[in-house]
């Protein structure tokens, strides 16, 4: 017969009491400072003592860094320290200029970002021309796109989605923070035709419907 919880159980539970929130802030600060890449909340929780709440500590730490030379920013499901936008000019000499993407690569990247997950056939239908393997390979090598889940359709075609590296490069928290479709089409980066099988909607409000979780 089981016995009710007694003083010994309460004493054992106290052994796993989480550190104060201020100490948890110091822990996530140290983890992020030492990491060259954005770090996921789950990875921080795995490193920190039992009972810690990395997400709560991150929000508190982000407020602490407001107005400082570096900001704590969210990148997809990860977090990282980044130079304050208004101080970016100080880093110009250290910035490496990347090779410019071709128009085909820009159009392909934009279509993937706004219609993800999307197949090669859908990209080609939107652009009106075939997508060369080199264009997709270049975006994969930059780690701006990755393979998504296969479609449950004949041939099980692979889909493409943007990565956290893409979001980090352009200073976005999520793909929902991308400029509106109207802005990109005005700049000539997207065809005016709608996604195959969808109704035409040129408003920014329709943008959110394109970003569905793959879970």
Protein backbone atom coordinates (compact mmCIF):
# COMPACT_ATOMS: atom_id res chain seq x y z
CA UNK A 1 0.00 0.00 0.00
CA UNK A 2 1.47 3.34 -1.00
CA UNK A 3 2.24 5.89 1.69
CA UNK A 4 1.32 9.59 1.43
CA UNK A 5 4.03 12.02 0.61
CA UNK A 6 5.99 12.94 3.71
CA UNK A 7 8.64 15.42 4.74
CA UNK A 8 11.36 13.38 3.02
CA UNK A 9 9.60 13.83 -0.34
CA UNK A 10 9.36 17.59 0.19
CA UNK A 11 13.06 17.70 1.07
CA UNK A 12 13.95 15.73 -2.07
CA UNK A 13 11.89 18.09 -4.25
CA UNK A 14 13.72 21.09 -2.84
CA UNK A 15 17.00 19.66 -4.09
CA UNK A 16 15.83 20.36 -7.66
CA UNK A 17 14.70 23.91 -7.11
CA UNK A 18 15.57 26.01 -10.15
CA UNK A 19 18.17 28.77 -9.82
CA UNK A 20 16.86 32.36 -9.54
CA UNK A 21 15.75 33.96 -12.80
CA UNK A 22 18.73 36.33 -12.72
CA UNK A 23 21.10 33.38 -12.63
CA UNK A 24 19.22 31.72 -15.50
CA UNK A 25 19.66 34.92 -17.53
CA UNK A 26 23.43 34.70 -16.94
CA UNK A 27 23.40 31.07 -18.11
CA UNK A 28 21.62 31.73 -21.42
CA UNK A 29 23.80 34.82 -21.93
CA UNK A 30 26.92 32.68 -21.56
CA UNK A 31 25.60 29.98 -23.90
CA UNK A 32 24.68 32.47 -26.62
CA UNK A 33 27.91 34.45 -26.27
CA UNK A 34 30.00 31.31 -26.78
CA UNK A 35 27.99 30.06 -29.77
CA UNK A 36 28.79 31.05 -33.35
CA UNK A 37 25.29 30.04 -34.45
CA UNK A 38 21.79 30.77 -33.11
CA UNK A 39 20.82 28.37 -30.33
CA UNK A 40 17.45 26.67 -29.88
CA UNK A 41 15.54 27.02 -26.63
CA UNK A 42 15.39 23.23 -26.24
CA UNK A 43 19.19 23.02 -26.47
CA UNK A 44 19.58 25.68 -23.77
CA UNK A 45 17.17 23.87 -21.45
CA UNK A 46 19.13 20.66 -22.00
CA UNK A 47 22.36 22.36 -20.85
CA UNK A 48 20.90 24.25 -17.90
CA UNK A 49 20.10 22.79 -14.44
CA UNK A 50 16.85 20.96 -13.79
CA UNK A 51 13.84 23.26 -13.51
CA UNK A 52 15.26 26.15 -15.54
CA UNK A 53 13.03 27.95 -18.05
CA UNK A 54 15.24 29.20 -20.88
CA UNK A 55 12.33 30.83 -22.73
CA UNK A 56 11.44 32.97 -19.72
CA UNK A 57 15.07 33.87 -19.11
CA UNK A 58 15.51 34.86 -22.77
CA UNK A 59 12.56 37.25 -22.70
CA UNK A 60 13.92 38.91 -19.57
CA UNK A 61 17.40 39.10 -21.07
CA UNK A 62 16.07 40.57 -24.32
CA UNK A 63 14.47 43.42 -22.38
CA UNK A 64 17.74 43.97 -20.51
CA UNK A 65 19.62 44.40 -23.81
CA UNK A 66 17.17 46.90 -25.32
CA UNK A 67 19.01 50.07 -26.28
CA UNK A 68 22.44 48.45 -26.02
CA UNK A 69 25.07 48.00 -28.73
CA UNK A 70 24.01 44.41 -29.24
CA UNK A 71 20.47 43.02 -29.21
CA UNK A 72 19.14 39.60 -28.32
CA UNK A 73 17.03 38.53 -31.29
CA UNK A 74 14.91 35.53 -32.16
CA UNK A 75 15.74 33.66 -35.37
CA UNK A 76 13.05 31.12 -36.14
CA UNK A 77 13.07 28.79 -33.13
CA UNK A 78 16.54 29.94 -32.05
CA UNK A 79 18.12 32.98 -30.38
CA UNK A 80 21.32 34.94 -30.99
CA UNK A 81 23.14 38.17 -30.17
CA UNK A 82 23.31 40.61 -33.08
CA UNK A 83 24.73 44.12 -33.55
CA UNK A 84 22.14 46.87 -33.11
CA UNK A 85 20.87 47.83 -36.60
CA UNK A 86 21.82 51.50 -36.21
CA UNK A 87 25.44 50.55 -35.46
CA UNK A 88 25.90 48.28 -38.45
CA UNK A 89 27.98 50.91 -40.24
CA UNK A 90 30.78 50.29 -37.73
CA UNK A 91 31.19 46.76 -39.08
CA UNK A 92 31.35 47.66 -42.76
CA UNK A 93 35.08 47.00 -43.10
CA UNK A 94 34.68 43.54 -41.59
CA UNK A 95 31.67 42.61 -43.71
CA UNK A 96 32.37 40.13 -46.51
CA UNK A 97 30.47 40.98 -49.66
CA UNK A 98 28.76 37.87 -51.00
CA UNK A 99 28.54 37.05 -54.67
CA UNK A 100 25.34 38.48 -56.10
CA UNK A 101 22.59 36.00 -56.88
CA UNK A 102 21.30 35.72 -60.41
CA UNK A 103 17.78 36.93 -61.16
CA UNK A 104 16.70 33.30 -61.54
CA UNK A 105 18.05 32.51 -58.07
CA UNK A 106 16.36 35.56 -56.54
CA UNK A 107 13.03 34.67 -58.12
CA UNK A 108 13.33 31.04 -57.03
CA UNK A 109 14.25 32.04 -53.49
CA UNK A 110 11.35 34.48 -53.27
CA UNK A 111 8.87 31.88 -54.51
CA UNK A 112 10.10 29.33 -51.96
CA UNK A 113 9.94 31.88 -49.14
CA UNK A 114 6.39 32.97 -49.95
CA UNK A 115 4.89 29.64 -51.01
CA UNK A 116 6.75 27.13 -48.84
CA UNK A 117 6.62 24.19 -48.83
CA UNK A 118 6.77 24.23 -52.65
CA UNK A 119 7.90 21.70 -55.26
CA UNK A 120 10.16 22.31 -58.25
CA UNK A 121 7.19 21.87 -60.61
CA UNK A 122 5.23 24.55 -58.72
CA UNK A 123 8.21 26.92 -58.84
CA UNK A 124 8.47 26.41 -62.59
CA UNK A 125 4.75 26.98 -63.08
CA UNK A 126 4.88 30.24 -61.14
CA UNK A 127 8.00 31.51 -62.95
CA UNK A 128 6.85 30.25 -66.34
CA UNK A 129 10.28 28.78 -67.10
CA UNK A 130 12.21 25.71 -65.97
CA UNK A 131 14.42 25.90 -62.89
CA UNK A 132 18.00 24.82 -63.51
CA UNK A 133 19.62 22.41 -61.09
CA UNK A 134 22.46 24.88 -60.60
CA UNK A 135 20.06 27.53 -59.27
CA UNK A 136 18.63 25.21 -56.63
CA UNK A 137 22.09 23.84 -55.78
CA UNK A 138 23.40 27.37 -55.20
CA UNK A 139 20.61 28.13 -52.72
CA UNK A 140 21.18 24.79 -51.00
CA UNK A 141 24.92 25.47 -50.71
CA UNK A 142 24.20 28.88 -49.17
CA UNK A 143 21.96 27.00 -46.71
CA UNK A 144 19.15 29.44 -47.46
CA UNK A 145 16.79 26.63 -48.46
CA UNK A 146 16.49 22.98 -47.48
CA UNK A 147 14.44 19.97 -48.44
CA UNK A 148 11.00 19.76 -46.84
CA UNK A 149 8.59 16.86 -46.65
CA UNK A 150 7.64 14.97 -49.76
CA UNK A 151 4.19 15.64 -51.14
CA UNK A 152 1.63 12.87 -50.84
CA UNK A 153 0.99 12.99 -54.57
CA UNK A 154 2.08 10.89 -57.58
CA UNK A 155 5.85 10.65 -57.66
CA UNK A 156 6.16 11.92 -54.05
CA UNK A 157 7.95 15.12 -55.18
CA UNK A 158 10.27 16.77 -52.68
CA UNK A 159 9.41 20.25 -51.41
CA UNK A 160 11.65 23.20 -50.53
CA UNK A 161 11.48 25.57 -47.54
CA UNK A 162 13.68 28.41 -46.30
CA UNK A 163 16.10 27.85 -43.40
CA UNK A 164 16.95 29.66 -40.18
CA UNK A 165 20.20 30.68 -41.89
CA UNK A 166 18.09 32.57 -44.45
CA UNK A 167 16.07 34.24 -41.68
CA UNK A 168 19.24 35.15 -39.78
CA UNK A 169 20.93 36.64 -42.86
CA UNK A 170 17.99 38.95 -43.54
CA UNK A 171 17.30 39.76 -39.88
CA UNK A 172 13.91 38.04 -39.77
CA UNK A 173 12.33 36.36 -36.77
CA UNK A 174 10.17 34.18 -39.01
CA UNK A 175 9.09 33.95 -42.64
CA UNK A 176 5.96 35.90 -41.68
CA UNK A 177 8.16 38.99 -41.31
CA UNK A 178 8.98 39.06 -45.03
CA UNK A 179 7.82 42.09 -47.06
CA UNK A 180 4.35 41.87 -48.53
CA UNK A 181 3.80 40.22 -51.89
CA UNK A 182 2.67 43.53 -53.33
CA UNK A 183 6.06 45.07 -52.51
CA UNK A 184 8.00 42.23 -54.14
CA UNK A 185 5.84 42.21 -57.23
CA UNK A 186 6.24 45.98 -57.57
CA UNK A 187 10.00 45.43 -57.43
CA UNK A 188 9.71 42.83 -60.21
CA UNK A 189 10.87 39.96 -58.01
CA UNK A 190 7.66 37.96 -58.32
CA UNK A 191 5.33 37.21 -61.20
CA UNK A 192 1.89 38.73 -60.87
CA UNK A 193 0.25 35.34 -61.32
CA UNK A 194 -1.13 33.59 -58.20
CA UNK A 195 0.02 30.22 -56.89
CA UNK A 196 -1.49 27.36 -58.93
CA UNK A 197 -4.77 26.27 -57.41
CA UNK A 198 -5.20 29.44 -55.31
CA UNK A 199 -7.31 32.54 -55.77
CA UNK A 200 -5.65 35.84 -56.55
CA UNK A 201 -5.17 37.93 -53.43
CA UNK A 202 -2.64 40.75 -53.54
CA UNK A 203 -3.08 41.91 -49.97
CA UNK A 204 -0.48 41.54 -47.26
CA UNK A 205 -3.09 39.85 -45.06
CA UNK A 206 -3.06 36.84 -47.36
CA UNK A 207 0.65 36.40 -46.78
CA UNK A 208 0.23 34.57 -43.48
CA UNK A 209 -1.78 31.75 -45.06
CA UNK A 210 1.28 30.69 -47.06
CA UNK A 211 3.31 29.79 -44.02
CA UNK A 212 2.03 26.57 -42.56
CA UNK A 213 3.99 24.44 -40.14
CA UNK A 214 5.21 21.14 -41.52
CA UNK A 215 4.25 19.30 -38.34
